[in-house]
């Protein structure tokens, strides 16, 4: 069916489908089959990672967590917190 070994009506009859249902599937398979086996078909490049920005965000979140855990500990709202 992919390379013309069958007509579209033969598998359609076997699968109890209409030939016009199989035709789009065949087209999708032919367009995307190379992407299954080779990485060359990737259309989207992987995004670049800005390590400096990520380190800044980690530092910001660490600072917030330290501040909040200290404040909640002093208020007695954190279980097992030091006073």
PDB file of N, CA and C in Angstrom:
ATOM      1  N   UNK A   1       0.825  -1.184   0.000  1.00  0.00           N
ATOM      2  CA  UNK A   1       0.000   0.000   0.000  1.00  0.00           C
ATOM      3  C   UNK A   1       0.870   1.250   0.000  1.00  0.00           C
ATOM      4  N   UNK A   2       1.988   1.242   0.711  1.00  0.00           N
ATOM      5  CA  UNK A   2       2.819   2.430   0.776  1.00  0.00           C
ATOM      6  C   UNK A   2       3.530   2.662  -0.550  1.00  0.00           C
ATOM      7  N   UNK A   3       4.054   1.614  -1.143  1.00  0.00           N
ATOM      8  CA  UNK A   3       4.779   1.758  -2.400  1.00  0.00           C
ATOM      9  C   UNK A   3       3.951   1.291  -3.587  1.00  0.00           C
ATOM     10  N   UNK A   4       2.647   1.204  -3.457  1.00  0.00           N
ATOM     11  CA  UNK A   4       1.805   0.835  -4.568  1.00  0.00           C
ATOM     12  C   UNK A   4       1.611  -0.654  -4.740  1.00  0.00           C
ATOM     13  N   UNK A   5       1.919  -1.442  -3.725  1.00  0.00           N
ATOM     14  CA  UNK A   5       1.734  -2.890  -3.823  1.00  0.00           C
ATOM     15  C   UNK A   5       0.250  -3.242  -3.801  1.00  0.00           C
ATOM     16  N   UNK A   6      -0.550  -2.451  -3.115  1.00  0.00           N
ATOM     17  CA  UNK A   6      -1.991  -2.643  -3.051  1.00  0.00           C
ATOM     18  C   UNK A   6      -2.665  -1.372  -3.527  1.00  0.00           C
ATOM     19  N   UNK A   7      -3.897  -1.519  -3.914  1.00  0.00           N
ATOM     20  CA  UNK A   7      -4.700  -0.324  -4.141  1.00  0.00           C
ATOM     21  C   UNK A   7      -5.280   0.084  -2.792  1.00  0.00           C
ATOM     22  N   UNK A   8      -5.800   1.269  -2.696  1.00  0.00           N
ATOM     23  CA  UNK A   8      -6.362   1.724  -1.420  1.00  0.00           C
ATOM     24  C   UNK A   8      -7.630   0.958  -1.049  1.00  0.00           C
ATOM     25  N   UNK A   9      -8.300   0.391  -2.039  1.00  0.00           N
ATOM     26  CA  UNK A   9      -9.551  -0.312  -1.721  1.00  0.00           C
ATOM     27  C   UNK A   9      -9.312  -1.647  -1.026  1.00  0.00           C
ATOM     28  N   UNK A  10      -8.195  -2.309  -1.308  1.00  0.00           N
ATOM     29  CA  UNK A  10      -7.942  -3.617  -0.689  1.00  0.00           C
ATOM     30  C   UNK A  10      -7.785  -3.533   0.830  1.00  0.00           C
ATOM     31  N   UNK A  11      -6.878  -2.684   1.368  1.00  0.00           N
ATOM     32  CA  UNK A  11      -6.804  -2.604   2.831  1.00  0.00           C
ATOM     33  C   UNK A  11      -8.056  -1.973   3.431  1.00  0.00           C
ATOM     34  N   UNK A  12      -8.717  -1.096   2.684  1.00  0.00           N
ATOM     35  CA  UNK A  12      -9.945  -0.491   3.199  1.00  0.00           C
ATOM     36  C   UNK A  12     -11.007  -1.564   3.410  1.00  0.00           C
ATOM     37  N   UNK A  13     -11.112  -2.498   2.480  1.00  0.00           N
ATOM     38  CA  UNK A  13     -12.077  -3.579   2.640  1.00  0.00           C
ATOM     39  C   UNK A  13     -11.679  -4.498   3.791  1.00  0.00           C
ATOM     40  N   UNK A  14     -10.401  -4.782   3.918  1.00  0.00           N
ATOM     41  CA  UNK A  14      -9.924  -5.651   5.007  1.00  0.00           C
ATOM     42  C   UNK A  14     -10.184  -5.039   6.373  1.00  0.00           C
ATOM     43  N   UNK A  15     -10.041  -3.721   6.469  1.00  0.00           N
ATOM     44  CA  UNK A  15     -10.171  -3.028   7.753  1.00  0.00           C
ATOM     45  C   UNK A  15     -11.553  -2.417   7.954  1.00  0.00           C
ATOM     46  N   UNK A  16     -12.443  -2.641   7.014  1.00  0.00           N
ATOM     47  CA  UNK A  16     -13.795  -2.094   7.069  1.00  0.00           C
ATOM     48  C   UNK A  16     -13.770  -0.565   7.171  1.00  0.00           C
ATOM     49  N   UNK A  17     -12.995   0.061   6.287  1.00  0.00           N
ATOM     50  CA  UNK A  17     -12.869   1.511   6.206  1.00  0.00           C
ATOM     51  C   UNK A  17     -13.141   1.963   4.786  1.00  0.00           C
ATOM     52  N   UNK A  18     -13.285   3.256   4.615  1.00  0.00           N
ATOM     53  CA  UNK A  18     -13.413   3.831   3.288  1.00  0.00           C
ATOM     54  C   UNK A  18     -12.009   4.167   2.777  1.00  0.00           C
ATOM     55  N   UNK A  19     -11.766   4.050   1.476  1.00  0.00           N
ATOM     56  CA  UNK A  19     -10.446   4.388   0.929  1.00  0.00           C
ATOM     57  C   UNK A  19     -10.039   5.845   1.206  1.00  0.00           C
ATOM     58  N   UNK A  20     -11.015   6.751   1.270  1.00  0.00           N
ATOM     59  CA  UNK A  20     -10.668   8.152   1.545  1.00  0.00           C
ATOM     60  C   UNK A  20     -10.233   8.361   2.998  1.00  0.00           C
ATOM     61  N   UNK A  21     -10.444   7.374   3.883  1.00  0.00           N
ATOM     62  CA  UNK A  21      -9.919   7.453   5.240  1.00  0.00           C
ATOM     63  C   UNK A  21      -8.454   7.039   5.280  1.00  0.00           C
ATOM     64  N   UNK A  22      -8.073   6.118   4.423  1.00  0.00           N
ATOM     65  CA  UNK A  22      -6.709   5.599   4.416  1.00  0.00           C
ATOM     66  C   UNK A  22      -5.749   6.559   3.724  1.00  0.00           C
ATOM     67  N   UNK A  23      -6.216   7.270   2.706  1.00  0.00           N
ATOM     68  CA  UNK A  23      -5.334   8.140   1.919  1.00  0.00           C
ATOM     69  C   UNK A  23      -4.618   9.191   2.771  1.00  0.00           C
ATOM     70  N   UNK A  24      -5.295   9.934   3.679  1.00  0.00           N
ATOM     71  CA  UNK A  24      -4.560  10.902   4.517  1.00  0.00           C
ATOM     72  C   UNK A  24      -3.556  10.235   5.451  1.00  0.00           C
ATOM     73  N   UNK A  25      -3.888   9.062   5.976  1.00  0.00           N
ATOM     74  CA  UNK A  25      -2.977   8.343   6.868  1.00  0.00           C
ATOM     75  C   UNK A  25      -1.713   7.960   6.119  1.00  0.00           C
ATOM     76  N   UNK A  26      -1.893   7.508   4.886  1.00  0.00           N
ATOM     77  CA  UNK A  26      -0.746   7.130   4.058  1.00  0.00           C
ATOM     78  C   UNK A  26       0.146   8.344   3.810  1.00  0.00           C
ATOM     79  N   UNK A  27      -0.481   9.481   3.509  1.00  0.00           N
ATOM     80  CA  UNK A  27       0.286  10.711   3.288  1.00  0.00           C
ATOM     81  C   UNK A  27       1.061  11.137   4.523  1.00  0.00           C
ATOM     82  N   UNK A  28       0.425  11.039   5.698  1.00  0.00           N
ATOM     83  CA  UNK A  28       1.099  11.393   6.947  1.00  0.00           C
ATOM     84  C   UNK A  28       2.268  10.461   7.214  1.00  0.00           C
ATOM     85  N   UNK A  29       2.079   9.186   6.927  1.00  0.00           N
ATOM     86  CA  UNK A  29       3.153   8.226   7.133  1.00  0.00           C
ATOM     87  C   UNK A  29       4.329   8.530   6.216  1.00  0.00           C
ATOM     88  N   UNK A  30       4.058   8.802   4.954  1.00  0.00           N
ATOM     89  CA  UNK A  30       5.140   9.074   4.012  1.00  0.00           C
ATOM     90  C   UNK A  30       5.884  10.359   4.360  1.00  0.00           C
ATOM     91  N   UNK A  31       5.172  11.364   4.872  1.00  0.00           N
ATOM     92  CA  UNK A  31       5.818  12.629   5.247  1.00  0.00           C
ATOM     93  C   UNK A  31       6.658  12.490   6.515  1.00  0.00           C
ATOM     94  N   UNK A  32       6.179  11.721   7.492  1.00  0.00           N
ATOM     95  CA  UNK A  32       6.848  11.684   8.790  1.00  0.00           C
ATOM     96  C   UNK A  32       7.663  10.447   9.072  1.00  0.00           C
ATOM     97  N   UNK A  33       7.730   9.505   8.149  1.00  0.00           N
ATOM     98  CA  UNK A  33       8.418   8.246   8.424  1.00  0.00           C
ATOM     99  C   UNK A  33       9.912   8.437   8.653  1.00  0.00           C
ATOM    100  N   UNK A  34      10.542   9.370   7.966  1.00  0.00           N
ATOM    101  CA  UNK A  34      11.975   9.564   8.157  1.00  0.00           C
ATOM    102  C   UNK A  34      12.276  10.086   9.556  1.00  0.00           C
ATOM    103  N   UNK A  35      11.370  10.831  10.152  1.00  0.00           N
ATOM    104  CA  UNK A  35      11.569  11.346  11.504  1.00  0.00           C
ATOM    105  C   UNK A  35      11.568  10.263  12.551  1.00  0.00           C
ATOM    106  N   UNK A  36      10.977   9.126  12.241  1.00  0.00           N
ATOM    107  CA  UNK A  36      10.944   8.020  13.189  1.00  0.00           C
ATOM    108  C   UNK A  36      12.312   7.353  13.278  1.00  0.00           C
ATOM    109  N   UNK A  37      13.012   7.279  12.151  1.00  0.00           N
ATOM    110  CA  UNK A  37      14.254   6.528  12.098  1.00  0.00           C
ATOM    111  C   UNK A  37      15.514   7.388  12.126  1.00  0.00           C
ATOM    112  N   UNK A  38      15.431   8.648  11.703  1.00  0.00           N
ATOM    113  CA  UNK A  38      16.606   9.516  11.659  1.00  0.00           C
ATOM    114  C   UNK A  38      16.315  10.833  12.339  1.00  0.00           C
ATOM    115  N   UNK A  39      17.320  11.392  12.990  1.00  0.00           N
ATOM    116  CA  UNK A  39      17.171  12.679  13.651  1.00  0.00           C
ATOM    117  C   UNK A  39      17.236  13.840  12.672  1.00  0.00           C
ATOM    118  N   UNK A  40      17.634  13.595  11.455  1.00  0.00           N
ATOM    119  CA  UNK A  40      17.775  14.672  10.475  1.00  0.00           C
ATOM    120  C   UNK A  40      16.443  15.335  10.159  1.00  0.00           C
ATOM    121  N   UNK A  41      15.349  14.685  10.439  1.00  0.00           N
ATOM    122  CA  UNK A  41      14.040  15.224  10.098  1.00  0.00           C
ATOM    123  C   UNK A  41      13.517  16.200  11.151  1.00  0.00           C
ATOM    124  N   UNK A  42      14.266  16.456  12.209  1.00  0.00           N
ATOM    125  CA  UNK A  42      13.816  17.392  13.235  1.00  0.00           C
ATOM    126  C   UNK A  42      13.669  18.777  12.619  1.00  0.00           C
ATOM    127  N   UNK A  43      12.530  19.386  12.847  1.00  0.00           N
ATOM    128  CA  UNK A  43      12.291  20.710  12.286  1.00  0.00           C
ATOM    129  C   UNK A  43      12.573  21.805  13.310  1.00  0.00           C
ATOM    130  N   UNK A  44      12.480  21.471  14.583  1.00  0.00           N
ATOM    131  CA  UNK A  44      12.706  22.463  15.630  1.00  0.00           C
ATOM    132  C   UNK A  44      14.083  22.259  16.256  1.00  0.00           C
ATOM    133  N   UNK A  45      14.920  23.270  16.237  1.00  0.00           N
ATOM    134  CA  UNK A  45      16.203  23.125  16.938  1.00  0.00           C
ATOM    135  C   UNK A  45      15.973  23.186  18.445  1.00  0.00           C
ATOM    136  N   UNK A  46      16.837  22.526  19.176  1.00  0.00           N
ATOM    137  CA  UNK A  46      16.698  22.549  20.626  1.00  0.00           C
ATOM    138  C   UNK A  46      17.012  23.951  21.135  1.00  0.00           C
ATOM    139  N   UNK A  47      16.238  24.426  22.113  1.00  0.00           N
ATOM    140  CA  UNK A  47      16.466  25.786  22.609  1.00  0.00           C
ATOM    141  C   UNK A  47      17.804  25.883  23.338  1.00  0.00           C
ATOM    142  N   UNK A  48      18.435  27.034  23.226  1.00  0.00           N
ATOM    143  CA  UNK A  48      19.691  27.244  23.940  1.00  0.00           C
ATOM    144  C   UNK A  48      19.370  27.571  25.393  1.00  0.00           C
ATOM    145  N   UNK A  49      20.209  27.098  26.277  1.00  0.00           N
ATOM    146  CA  UNK A  49      19.986  27.288  27.704  1.00  0.00           C
ATOM    147  C   UNK A  49      20.926  28.374  28.196  1.00  0.00           C
ATOM    148  N   UNK A  50      20.351  29.384  28.827  1.00  0.00           N
ATOM    149  CA  UNK A  50      21.138  30.475  29.390  1.00  0.00           C
ATOM    150  C   UNK A  50      21.438  30.133  30.853  1.00  0.00           C
ATOM    151  N   UNK A  51      22.617  29.595  31.088  1.00  0.00           N
ATOM    152  CA  UNK A  51      22.998  29.111  32.418  1.00  0.00           C
ATOM    153  C   UNK A  51      23.061  30.263  33.420  1.00  0.00           C
ATOM    154  N   UNK A  52      23.501  31.417  32.987  1.00  0.00           N
ATOM    155  CA  UNK A  52      23.619  32.569  33.880  1.00  0.00           C
ATOM    156  C   UNK A  52      22.244  32.964  34.431  1.00  0.00           C
ATOM    157  N   UNK A  53      21.238  32.971  33.572  1.00  0.00           N
ATOM    158  CA  UNK A  53      19.888  33.313  34.011  1.00  0.00           C
ATOM    159  C   UNK A  53      19.343  32.250  34.958  1.00  0.00           C
ATOM    160  N   UNK A  54      19.617  30.989  34.660  1.00  0.00           N
ATOM    161  CA  UNK A  54      19.147  29.919  35.540  1.00  0.00           C
ATOM    162  C   UNK A  54      19.799  29.994  36.913  1.00  0.00           C
ATOM    163  N   UNK A  55      21.083  30.290  36.960  1.00  0.00           N
ATOM    164  CA  UNK A  55      21.766  30.432  38.253  1.00  0.00           C
ATOM    165  C   UNK A  55      21.197  31.607  39.037  1.00  0.00           C
ATOM    166  N   UNK A  56      20.875  32.695  38.354  1.00  0.00           N
ATOM    167  CA  UNK A  56      20.281  33.844  39.027  1.00  0.00           C
ATOM    168  C   UNK A  56      18.923  33.473  39.613  1.00  0.00           C
ATOM    169  N   UNK A  57      18.124  32.730  38.860  1.00  0.00           N
ATOM    170  CA  UNK A  57      16.806  32.323  39.344  1.00  0.00           C
ATOM    171  C   UNK A  57      16.932  31.374  40.529  1.00  0.00           C
ATOM    172  N   UNK A  58      17.884  30.455  40.492  1.00  0.00           N
ATOM    173  CA  UNK A  58      18.114  29.536  41.611  1.00  0.00           C
ATOM    174  C   UNK A  58      18.497  30.319  42.860  1.00  0.00           C
ATOM    175  N   UNK A  59      19.358  31.302  42.708  1.00  0.00           N
ATOM    176  CA  UNK A  59      19.751  32.126  43.850  1.00  0.00           C
ATOM    177  C   UNK A  59      18.580  32.895  44.421  1.00  0.00           C
ATOM    178  N   UNK A  60      17.747  33.436  43.540  1.00  0.00           N
ATOM    179  CA  UNK A  60      16.566  34.190  43.982  1.00  0.00           C
ATOM    180  C   UNK A  60      15.608  33.283  44.752  1.00  0.00           C
ATOM    181  N   UNK A  61      15.348  32.104  44.242  1.00  0.00           N
ATOM    182  CA  UNK A  61      14.431  31.184  44.913  1.00  0.00           C
ATOM    183  C   UNK A  61      15.002  30.671  46.231  1.00  0.00           C
ATOM    184  N   UNK A  62      16.304  30.457  46.295  1.00  0.00           N
ATOM    185  CA  UNK A  62      16.942  30.023  47.532  1.00  0.00           C
ATOM    186  C   UNK A  62      16.811  31.098  48.601  1.00  0.00           C
ATOM    187  N   UNK A  63      17.029  32.338  48.204  1.00  0.00           N
ATOM    188  CA  UNK A  63      16.892  33.460  49.133  1.00  0.00           C
ATOM    189  C   UNK A  63      15.466  33.563  49.669  1.00  0.00           C
ATOM    190  N   UNK A  64      14.476  33.424  48.773  1.00  0.00           N
ATOM    191  CA  UNK A  64      13.078  33.473  49.202  1.00  0.00           C
ATOM    192  C   UNK A  64      12.753  32.329  50.162  1.00  0.00           C
ATOM    193  N   UNK A  65      13.224  31.134  49.851  1.00  0.00           N
ATOM    194  CA  UNK A  65      12.950  29.985  50.721  1.00  0.00           C
ATOM    195  C   UNK A  65      13.580  30.168  52.095  1.00  0.00           C
ATOM    196  N   UNK A  66      14.820  30.655  52.131  1.00  0.00           N
ATOM    197  CA  UNK A  66      15.482  30.884  53.416  1.00  0.00           C
ATOM    198  C   UNK A  66      14.732  31.928  54.232  1.00  0.00           C
ATOM    199  N   UNK A  67      14.310  32.998  53.587  1.00  0.00           N
ATOM    200  CA  UNK A  67      13.582  34.060  54.284  1.00  0.00           C
ATOM    201  C   UNK A  67      12.262  33.529  54.837  1.00  0.00           C
ATOM    202  N   UNK A  68      11.513  32.824  53.997  1.00  0.00           N
ATOM    203  CA  UNK A  68      10.212  32.333  54.441  1.00  0.00           C
ATOM    204  C   UNK A  68      10.331  31.262  55.526  1.00  0.00           C
ATOM    205  N   UNK A  69      11.310  30.388  55.414  1.00  0.00           N
ATOM    206  CA  UNK A  69      11.450  29.373  56.457  1.00  0.00           C
ATOM    207  C   UNK A  69      11.852  30.028  57.779  1.00  0.00           C
ATOM    208  N   UNK A  70      12.682  31.070  57.722  1.00  0.00           N
ATOM    209  CA  UNK A  70      13.050  31.782  58.945  1.00  0.00           C
ATOM    210  C   UNK A  70      11.854  32.496  59.558  1.00  0.00           C
ATOM    211  N   UNK A  71      11.049  33.151  58.726  1.00  0.00           N
ATOM    212  CA  UNK A  71       9.884  33.879  59.223  1.00  0.00           C
ATOM    213  C   UNK A  71       8.845  32.921  59.793  1.00  0.00           C
ATOM    214  N   UNK A  72       8.608  31.816  59.103  1.00  0.00           N
ATOM    215  CA  UNK A  72       7.633  30.847  59.598  1.00  0.00           C
ATOM    216  C   UNK A  72       8.147  30.151  60.854  1.00  0.00           C
ATOM    217  N   UNK A  73       9.448  29.951  60.942  1.00  0.00           N
ATOM    218  CA  UNK A  73      10.020  29.340  62.140  1.00  0.00           C
ATOM    219  C   UNK A  73       9.867  30.240  63.347  1.00  0.00           C
ATOM    220  N   UNK A  74      10.114  31.527  63.159  1.00  0.00           N
ATOM    221  CA  UNK A  74       9.971  32.470  64.267  1.00  0.00           C
ATOM    222  C   UNK A  74       8.515  32.583  64.705  1.00  0.00           C
ATOM    223  N   UNK A  75       7.588  32.446  63.787  1.00  0.00           N
ATOM    224  CA  UNK A  75       6.164  32.546  64.116  1.00  0.00           C
ATOM    225  C   UNK A  75       5.635  31.243  64.699  1.00  0.00           C
ATOM    226  N   UNK A  76       6.446  30.191  64.658  1.00  0.00           N
ATOM    227  CA  UNK A  76       6.026  28.913  65.202  1.00  0.00           C
ATOM    228  C   UNK A  76       5.088  28.140  64.287  1.00  0.00           C
ATOM    229  N   UNK A  77       5.074  28.488  63.023  1.00  0.00           N
ATOM    230  CA  UNK A  77       4.185  27.832  62.074  1.00  0.00           C
ATOM    231  C   UNK A  77       4.845  26.697  61.310  1.00  0.00           C
ATOM    232  N   UNK A  78       6.138  26.546  61.514  1.00  0.00           N
ATOM    233  CA  UNK A  78       6.865  25.470  60.842  1.00  0.00           C
ATOM    234  C   UNK A  78       7.085  24.347  61.839  1.00  0.00           C
ATOM    235  N   UNK A  79       6.671  23.133  61.546  1.00  0.00           N
ATOM    236  CA  UNK A  79       6.876  22.038  62.497  1.00  0.00           C
ATOM    237  C   UNK A  79       8.367  21.736  62.670  1.00  0.00           C
ATOM    238  N   UNK A  80       8.805  21.598  63.885  1.00  0.00           N
ATOM    239  CA  UNK A  80      10.196  21.284  64.186  1.00  0.00           C
ATOM    240  C   UNK A  80      11.144  22.432  63.930  1.00  0.00           C
ATOM    241  N   UNK A  81      10.623  23.653  63.904  1.00  0.00           N
ATOM    242  CA  UNK A  81      11.477  24.807  63.614  1.00  0.00           C
ATOM    243  C   UNK A  81      12.213  25.240  64.867  1.00  0.00           C
ATOM    244  N   UNK A  82      13.398  25.814  64.653  1.00  0.00           N
ATOM    245  CA  UNK A  82      14.200  26.331  65.762  1.00  0.00           C
ATOM    246  C   UNK A  82      13.673  27.711  66.134  1.00  0.00           C
ATOM    247  N   UNK A  83      13.706  28.023  67.417  1.00  0.00           N
ATOM    248  CA  UNK A  83      13.275  29.347  67.857  1.00  0.00           C
ATOM    249  C   UNK A  83      14.409  30.116  68.435  1.00  0.00           C
TER     250      UNK A  83
END
